[in-house]
N, C-alpha and C. Protein backbone atom coordinates (compact mmCIF):
# COMPACT_ATOMS: atom_id res chain seq x y z
N MET A 1 78.67 75.13 81.64
CA MET A 1 78.73 76.77 81.59
C MET A 1 79.09 77.29 82.72
N LEU A 2 80.27 78.68 81.42
CA LEU A 2 81.07 79.52 82.08
C LEU A 2 80.20 80.22 82.98
N THR A 3 80.45 81.19 83.91
CA THR A 3 79.87 81.22 85.38
C THR A 3 81.04 81.61 85.70
N PRO A 4 81.45 83.18 85.35
CA PRO A 4 81.92 84.22 87.49
C PRO A 4 82.14 82.88 88.54
N SER A 5 83.30 82.80 89.09
CA SER A 5 83.05 82.15 90.77
C SER A 5 84.21 82.53 91.14
N ILE A 6 83.81 82.02 91.92
CA ILE A 6 84.72 83.19 93.41
C ILE A 6 84.38 81.18 95.01
N PHE A 7 85.45 80.93 95.10
CA PHE A 7 85.84 80.05 95.80
C PHE A 7 84.89 78.38 95.12
N GLY A 8 85.19 78.83 93.62
CA GLY A 8 83.94 77.06 93.50
C GLY A 8 83.01 77.25 93.64
N GLU A 9 81.89 78.11 93.67
CA GLU A 9 80.88 78.99 94.50
C GLU A 9 80.42 79.71 92.62
N SER A 10 78.72 79.55 92.29
CA SER A 10 78.36 80.35 91.42
C SER A 10 78.49 81.78 91.73
N LEU A 11 78.94 82.71 91.33
CA LEU A 11 77.94 83.89 91.86
C LEU A 11 76.38 84.29 91.27
N LEU A 12 76.36 83.22 90.12
CA LEU A 12 74.60 83.85 89.66
C LEU A 12 73.42 83.72 90.85
N ASP A 13 73.76 82.13 91.01
CA ASP A 13 73.66 81.18 92.63
C ASP A 13 73.71 81.86 93.62
N ASP A 14 74.50 82.88 94.46
CA ASP A 14 74.45 83.30 95.70
C ASP A 14 73.59 84.64 95.14
N TRP A 15 74.15 85.33 93.89
CA TRP A 15 72.98 86.94 93.41
C TRP A 15 71.93 86.47 93.15
N PHE A 16 71.29 85.70 92.71
CA PHE A 16 69.57 85.76 92.19
C PHE A 16 69.33 84.49 92.50
N GLY A 17 70.00 83.17 92.86
CA GLY A 17 68.99 82.14 93.77
C GLY A 17 68.76 81.02 91.86
N PHE A 18 70.17 81.56 91.71
CA PHE A 18 69.65 80.32 90.18
C PHE A 18 71.03 79.36 90.93
N PRO A 19 70.73 77.03 90.46
CA PRO A 19 71.70 76.48 90.23
C PRO A 19 72.24 77.06 88.73
N GLU A 20 73.15 76.14 88.94
CA GLU A 20 73.93 75.85 87.49
C GLU A 20 72.60 75.12 86.29
N LEU A 21 72.46 75.07 85.20
CA LEU A 21 72.07 74.86 84.35
C LEU A 21 72.53 73.65 84.23
N LYS A 22 73.64 72.69 84.80
CA LYS A 22 74.06 71.59 84.55
C LYS A 22 73.88 70.68 86.21
N ASP A 23 72.72 71.36 86.98
CA ASP A 23 72.70 71.01 88.14
C ASP A 23 71.33 70.70 88.63
N LEU A 24 69.96 70.30 87.42
CA LEU A 24 68.73 71.68 87.48
C LEU A 24 68.61 70.11 87.21
N ASP A 25 68.94 68.93 87.27
CA ASP A 25 68.26 67.38 86.73
C ASP A 25 68.53 67.31 88.25
N ARG A 26 69.11 67.42 89.28
CA ARG A 26 69.76 67.04 89.90
C ARG A 26 69.29 67.48 91.51
N ALA A 27 68.57 68.95 90.81
CA ALA A 27 68.40 69.91 92.25
C ALA A 27 67.43 69.74 92.84
N GLU A 28 67.67 69.77 94.45
CA GLU A 28 66.84 69.11 95.91
C GLU A 28 66.71 70.31 96.68
N ARG A 29 64.98 70.00 96.94
CA ARG A 29 65.61 71.71 97.82
C ARG A 29 65.69 70.75 99.70
N LYS A 30 66.69 70.36 100.36
CA LYS A 30 67.09 70.48 101.69
C LYS A 30 66.98 71.39 102.61
N LEU A 31 67.07 71.22 103.18
CA LEU A 31 67.42 72.20 104.91
C LEU A 31 67.34 73.78 103.90
N TYR A 32 67.51 74.76 103.93
CA TYR A 32 66.79 75.75 103.95
C TYR A 32 68.17 75.64 102.83
N GLY A 33 67.34 75.70 101.45
CA GLY A 33 67.95 74.94 100.33
C GLY A 33 69.18 74.38 99.80
N HIS A 34 69.72 75.07 98.27
CA HIS A 34 70.98 74.45 98.07
C HIS A 34 71.88 74.71 99.63
N HIS A 35 71.99 75.43 99.81
CA HIS A 35 73.71 75.64 100.90
C HIS A 35 73.79 75.12 102.37
N ALA A 36 72.52 73.67 102.41
CA ALA A 36 72.26 72.61 103.84
C ALA A 36 73.42 73.08 104.23
N GLU A 37 74.87 72.70 103.20
CA GLU A 37 75.86 71.94 103.47
C GLU A 37 76.38 72.84 104.83
N ARG A 38 76.21 74.16 104.74
CA ARG A 38 77.24 75.38 105.12
C ARG A 38 76.71 75.69 106.33
N MET A 39 76.11 74.83 106.48
CA MET A 39 75.15 75.02 107.61
C MET A 39 75.75 74.17 108.57
N MET A 40 75.16 74.81 110.61
CA MET A 40 75.97 73.84 111.80
C MET A 40 77.73 74.67 111.54
N LYS A 41 77.84 76.08 110.91
CA LYS A 41 79.30 76.20 110.97
C LYS A 41 79.56 75.93 112.29
N THR A 42 80.49 75.54 112.72
CA THR A 42 81.49 75.20 113.96
C THR A 42 82.51 75.64 114.64
N ASP A 43 83.24 76.57 115.88
CA ASP A 43 84.45 76.85 116.36
C ASP A 43 84.19 76.10 117.42
N VAL A 44 85.80 75.58 117.86
CA VAL A 44 86.06 74.82 118.37
C VAL A 44 87.26 75.98 118.75
N ARG A 45 87.19 75.61 120.63
CA ARG A 45 88.09 76.13 121.34
C ARG A 45 89.14 75.08 122.75
N GLU A 46 90.27 75.67 122.52
CA GLU A 46 90.98 74.87 123.35
C GLU A 46 91.58 75.12 124.47
N HIS A 47 91.49 74.89 125.69
CA HIS A 47 91.24 75.07 126.85
C HIS A 47 92.55 74.00 127.29
N GLU A 48 93.13 74.11 128.69
CA GLU A 48 93.92 73.29 129.14
C GLU A 48 93.08 72.41 129.70
N ASP A 49 91.87 72.24 130.40
CA ASP A 49 92.15 70.89 130.64
C ASP A 49 91.00 70.20 130.14
N HIS A 50 90.09 71.72 128.81
CA HIS A 50 88.75 71.01 127.80
C HIS A 50 89.30 72.00 126.47
N TYR A 51 87.36 71.37 125.74
CA TYR A 51 87.56 71.09 124.23
C TYR A 51 85.71 72.58 124.73
N GLU A 52 86.03 73.37 123.58
CA GLU A 52 84.90 74.67 124.07
C GLU A 52 84.50 74.13 122.15
N VAL A 53 83.59 73.80 122.41
CA VAL A 53 82.86 73.66 120.19
C VAL A 53 81.44 74.14 120.82
N ASP A 54 81.65 75.02 119.80
CA ASP A 54 79.84 76.42 119.73
C ASP A 54 80.20 76.35 118.25
N ILE A 55 78.11 75.42 117.91
CA ILE A 55 77.63 74.72 117.23
C ILE A 55 76.86 75.88 116.09
N ASP A 56 76.56 76.78 115.85
CA ASP A 56 75.38 77.97 114.93
C ASP A 56 74.57 76.44 114.35
N LEU A 57 73.26 76.72 115.02
CA LEU A 57 72.69 76.14 114.98
C LEU A 57 70.44 76.85 114.52
N PRO A 58 71.00 77.90 113.60
CA PRO A 58 70.17 79.37 113.85
C PRO A 58 68.51 78.25 113.21
N GLY A 59 67.48 79.27 114.03
CA GLY A 59 65.91 78.45 114.03
C GLY A 59 65.52 77.19 114.08
N PHE A 60 66.16 76.29 114.98
CA PHE A 60 66.09 75.05 115.78
C PHE A 60 65.78 75.28 117.56
N ALA A 61 64.89 74.71 117.41
CA ALA A 61 65.00 74.86 119.45
C ALA A 61 65.27 73.61 120.16
N LYS A 62 65.82 74.13 120.55
CA LYS A 62 66.50 72.75 121.08
C LYS A 62 66.25 71.46 121.63
N ASP A 63 64.41 71.20 121.80
CA ASP A 63 63.77 69.53 121.15
C ASP A 63 64.36 69.28 119.84
N GLU A 64 64.40 69.91 118.98
CA GLU A 64 64.93 69.35 117.49
C GLU A 64 65.94 69.38 118.03
N ILE A 65 66.97 68.94 118.48
CA ILE A 65 68.92 68.62 118.93
C ILE A 65 68.91 67.67 119.37
N THR A 66 69.27 67.15 118.61
CA THR A 66 70.06 65.08 119.65
C THR A 66 71.35 65.13 120.07
N LEU A 67 72.18 64.89 120.88
CA LEU A 67 73.24 64.24 121.40
C LEU A 67 73.43 62.90 121.40
N GLU A 68 73.82 61.88 120.45
CA GLU A 68 74.48 60.52 120.14
C GLU A 68 76.20 60.42 120.94
N LEU A 69 76.47 59.62 121.47
CA LEU A 69 78.40 59.27 121.28
C LEU A 69 78.60 58.26 121.17
N ASN A 70 78.79 57.51 120.44
CA ASN A 70 78.64 55.70 120.08
C ASN A 70 80.32 55.45 119.47
N GLU A 71 80.79 55.21 120.03
CA GLU A 71 82.24 54.11 119.50
C GLU A 71 82.94 55.60 119.37
N GLY A 72 82.64 56.25 120.07
CA GLY A 72 83.97 57.57 119.97
C GLY A 72 83.78 58.49 119.27
N TYR A 73 82.28 58.24 118.84
CA TYR A 73 82.15 59.07 117.90
C TYR A 73 81.15 60.69 118.79
N LEU A 74 80.84 61.52 118.59
CA LEU A 74 79.93 62.37 119.20
C LEU A 74 78.60 63.45 117.90
N THR A 75 77.66 62.69 118.41
CA THR A 75 76.75 62.59 116.32
C THR A 75 75.94 63.85 116.78
N VAL A 76 76.30 65.51 116.27
CA VAL A 76 74.70 66.52 116.49
C VAL A 76 73.91 65.83 115.08
N SER A 77 73.16 66.24 116.13
CA SER A 77 71.86 65.84 114.84
C SER A 77 70.07 66.73 115.43
N ALA A 78 70.49 67.85 113.74
CA ALA A 78 68.78 68.68 113.77
C ALA A 78 68.14 68.47 113.10
N ALA A 79 66.36 68.39 113.25
CA ALA A 79 65.36 67.90 112.39
C ALA A 79 64.30 69.22 113.30
N LYS A 80 63.71 69.29 111.59
CA LYS A 80 62.67 70.18 111.68
C LYS A 80 61.60 69.26 110.81
N GLY A 81 60.67 70.22 110.56
CA GLY A 81 59.34 69.98 110.11
C GLY A 81 58.28 71.07 110.24
N LEU A 82 57.94 71.56 108.92
CA LEU A 82 56.99 72.88 109.20
C LEU A 82 55.41 73.03 109.66
N ASP A 83 54.42 73.79 110.95
CA ASP A 83 53.77 73.34 111.05
C ASP A 83 52.55 73.19 110.09
N LYS A 84 52.02 72.29 109.03
CA LYS A 84 51.52 72.18 108.42
C LYS A 84 50.20 72.79 109.47
N ASN A 85 49.28 72.13 110.19
CA ASN A 85 48.08 72.13 111.32
C ASN A 85 47.94 73.38 111.49
N GLN A 86 48.67 74.15 111.12
CA GLN A 86 48.79 75.32 111.63
C GLN A 86 48.37 76.91 110.37
N GLU A 87 46.95 77.03 110.70
CA GLU A 87 46.04 78.92 110.25
C GLU A 87 47.12 79.39 109.96
N LYS A 88 47.07 80.00 108.81
CA LYS A 88 47.69 82.07 108.83
C LYS A 88 46.30 81.48 107.48
N LYS A 89 46.09 83.66 108.06
CA LYS A 89 45.24 83.90 106.62
C LYS A 89 46.32 84.54 105.72
N GLY A 90 45.98 84.52 104.60
CA GLY A 90 46.64 85.50 103.86
C GLY A 90 47.20 84.31 102.93
N LYS A 91 47.37 84.39 101.32
CA LYS A 91 47.94 83.46 100.15
C LYS A 91 49.11 83.81 100.08
N LEU A 92 50.13 82.75 100.59
CA LEU A 92 51.93 81.91 100.75
C LEU A 92 52.07 82.46 98.64
N ILE A 93 53.04 83.19 99.06
CA ILE A 93 53.87 84.51 97.63
C ILE A 93 54.78 83.09 97.65
N ARG A 94 55.35 83.56 98.81
CA ARG A 94 56.84 82.43 98.83
C ARG A 94 57.09 82.10 99.61
N GLN A 95 58.00 80.73 99.29
CA GLN A 95 58.16 80.23 101.17
C GLN A 95 59.83 79.48 100.87
N GLU A 96 60.39 80.10 101.79
CA GLU A 96 61.88 79.72 101.69
C GLU A 96 62.51 79.28 102.97
N ARG A 97 60.99 78.54 104.42
CA ARG A 97 61.97 77.86 104.70
C ARG A 97 61.30 76.38 104.66
N TYR A 98 62.47 75.53 105.02
CA TYR A 98 62.00 74.20 104.89
C TYR A 98 62.19 72.80 106.08
N ALA A 99 61.86 71.96 105.66
CA ALA A 99 61.92 71.07 106.36
C ALA A 99 62.50 69.84 106.32
N GLY A 100 63.57 69.70 107.55
CA GLY A 100 64.20 68.79 106.85
C GLY A 100 65.35 68.40 108.15
N ALA A 101 66.67 67.82 108.07
CA ALA A 101 66.77 67.19 108.96
C ALA A 101 68.93 67.45 108.27
N MET A 102 69.91 67.57 109.45
CA MET A 102 71.19 67.59 109.06
C MET A 102 71.52 66.90 110.47
N GLN A 103 72.85 66.94 110.30
CA GLN A 103 74.00 66.46 111.10
C GLN A 103 75.57 66.12 111.13
N ARG A 104 76.30 66.29 112.52
CA ARG A 104 77.18 66.57 111.47
C ARG A 104 77.90 65.23 113.36
N SER A 105 79.40 65.50 112.33
CA SER A 105 79.93 64.13 113.77
C SER A 105 81.15 64.33 114.10
N PHE A 106 81.73 63.78 115.13
CA PHE A 106 83.23 64.58 115.31
C PHE A 106 84.20 63.28 116.49
N TYR A 107 84.99 62.96 116.09
CA TYR A 107 85.71 62.28 116.80
C TYR A 107 86.74 63.39 118.04
N VAL A 108 85.25 62.11 119.24
CA VAL A 108 86.06 62.19 120.26
C VAL A 108 87.00 61.40 121.43
N GLY A 109 87.02 60.29 120.93
CA GLY A 109 87.20 59.58 121.34
C GLY A 109 86.89 57.99 122.63
N GLU A 110 87.82 57.46 122.20
CA GLU A 110 86.23 56.62 123.31
C GLU A 110 86.24 56.63 124.99
N GLU A 111 87.36 57.38 125.42
CA GLU A 111 87.17 57.93 126.58
C GLU A 111 86.51 58.63 127.34
N LEU A 112 85.46 59.25 125.99
CA LEU A 112 84.67 59.81 126.99
C LEU A 112 84.05 59.25 126.81
N THR A 113 82.22 59.55 127.95
CA THR A 113 81.99 59.13 128.28
C THR A 113 80.88 60.04 128.00
N GLU A 114 79.38 59.64 128.15
CA GLU A 114 78.10 60.28 127.48
C GLU A 114 77.79 61.90 129.55
N GLU A 115 77.80 61.70 130.45
CA GLU A 115 78.00 62.01 131.71
C GLU A 115 79.47 63.10 131.51
N ASP A 116 80.19 62.65 130.60
CA ASP A 116 81.39 63.39 130.61
C ASP A 116 81.20 65.39 130.06
N VAL A 117 79.83 65.05 128.99
CA VAL A 117 79.83 65.72 127.54
C VAL A 117 78.79 67.88 129.25
N LYS A 118 79.01 68.65 128.34
CA LYS A 118 77.95 69.16 128.95
C LYS A 118 77.61 69.75 127.51
N ALA A 119 76.53 70.09 127.83
CA ALA A 119 76.09 70.58 126.68
C ALA A 119 74.57 72.18 127.29
N SER A 120 74.69 73.28 126.27
CA SER A 120 73.91 74.02 127.10
C SER A 120 73.57 75.17 125.11
N PHE A 121 72.48 75.57 125.05
CA PHE A 121 71.71 75.92 124.29
C PHE A 121 71.40 77.20 123.99
N LYS A 122 71.29 78.05 123.60
CA LYS A 122 70.77 79.43 124.11
C LYS A 122 71.63 80.49 122.65
N HIS A 123 70.28 81.13 122.27
CA HIS A 123 70.30 82.10 120.84
C HIS A 123 70.77 81.16 119.73
N GLY A 124 70.45 80.05 119.79
CA GLY A 124 70.71 78.99 118.22
C GLY A 124 72.30 79.03 118.30
N VAL A 125 72.89 78.84 119.52
CA VAL A 125 74.46 78.47 119.61
C VAL A 125 74.41 77.29 120.10
N LEU A 126 74.59 76.26 120.37
CA LEU A 126 75.10 75.39 120.84
C LEU A 126 76.79 74.67 121.28
N THR A 127 76.20 75.35 122.45
CA THR A 127 77.72 74.91 123.83
C THR A 127 78.35 74.05 123.62
N LEU A 128 79.52 73.18 123.62
CA LEU A 128 79.65 71.79 123.88
C LEU A 128 80.83 71.81 124.56
N ILE A 129 80.91 71.86 126.24
CA ILE A 129 82.16 71.03 127.08
C ILE A 129 82.46 69.62 126.56
N LEU A 130 83.85 69.49 126.22
CA LEU A 130 84.26 68.18 126.09
C LEU A 130 85.80 68.07 127.05
N PRO A 131 85.74 66.88 128.45
CA PRO A 131 86.70 67.21 128.96
C PRO A 131 88.81 66.47 128.45
N LYS A 132 89.07 66.42 128.16
CA LYS A 132 90.72 66.22 127.53
C LYS A 132 90.77 65.26 128.51
N LYS A 133 91.12 64.03 128.00
CA LYS A 133 90.97 62.74 128.65
C LYS A 133 92.66 62.26 128.18
N GLU A 134 93.32 61.41 128.23
CA GLU A 134 94.94 61.15 128.51
C GLU A 134 93.96 59.33 127.83
N ALA A 135 93.91 59.19 126.61
CA ALA A 135 93.98 57.67 125.93
C ALA A 135 94.72 56.93 126.78
N GLN A 136 93.58 55.44 126.90
CA GLN A 136 94.38 54.86 128.45
C GLN A 136 95.54 53.60 127.19
N LYS A 137 96.38 53.56 128.16
CA LYS A 137 98.10 53.38 128.22
C LYS A 137 97.37 52.06 127.49
N VAL A 138 98.96 51.36 126.41
CA VAL A 138 98.03 50.17 126.75
C VAL A 138 98.97 49.26 126.62
N PRO A 139 99.06 48.20 127.25
CA PRO A 139 100.38 47.61 128.00
C PRO A 139 101.09 47.25 127.42
N GLU A 140 102.04 47.42 128.08
CA GLU A 140 103.61 47.28 126.93
C GLU A 140 103.76 45.28 126.36
N LYS A 141 104.25 45.27 125.72
CA LYS A 141 104.57 43.59 125.74
C LYS A 141 105.71 42.83 126.03
N LYS A 142 105.80 42.85 126.37
CA LYS A 142 106.84 41.91 127.98
C LYS A 142 107.26 39.97 127.41
N THR A 143 108.38 39.93 126.47
CA THR A 143 108.99 38.85 126.40
C THR A 143 109.00 38.03 127.36
N ILE A 144 108.38 36.32 127.67
CA ILE A 144 108.93 35.54 128.17
C ILE A 144 110.52 34.79 127.43
N LEU A 145 111.18 34.47 128.01
CA LEU A 145 112.36 34.04 127.60
C LEU A 145 112.38 32.67 127.53
N ILE A 146 113.22 31.69 126.85
CA ILE A 146 112.10 30.74 126.72
C ILE A 146 114.05 29.80 127.07
N GLU A 147 113.77 29.51 127.30
CA GLU A 147 115.65 28.34 128.13
C GLU A 147 116.14 27.37 127.25
N GLY A 148 117.02 26.94 126.82
CA GLY A 148 117.47 25.45 126.03
C GLY A 148 118.35 26.11 125.32
């Protein structure tokens, strides 16, 4: 189907919220609808002795976010569920809030430990402070001369 597009995305999807016809068979309801892959917008700033990483996580609470450091990769995960037990009066006409999870990983180097990473969460923005550490130097190979 030929539809106008800007930057490879369908204008009709953005204007009317409709998926392209070819995508109807594999359409799924992810967290924040079809645009979930564009969430977790991240800014990285370099300072003299550290990096500052800001990650947008709107709608999440602090206890719904986890940080893991494994083999040099820092993984940020966020998961939320809708409160099914909470009774609200009135007929639900449209529901745009979804339950689901998202995660993103960053390579930060194997020199960093959990104690080195400082994290804070305020107004829907997760801020990480990652100190700069030099990679451990690999000892040079020393050859031994063989006599004879």
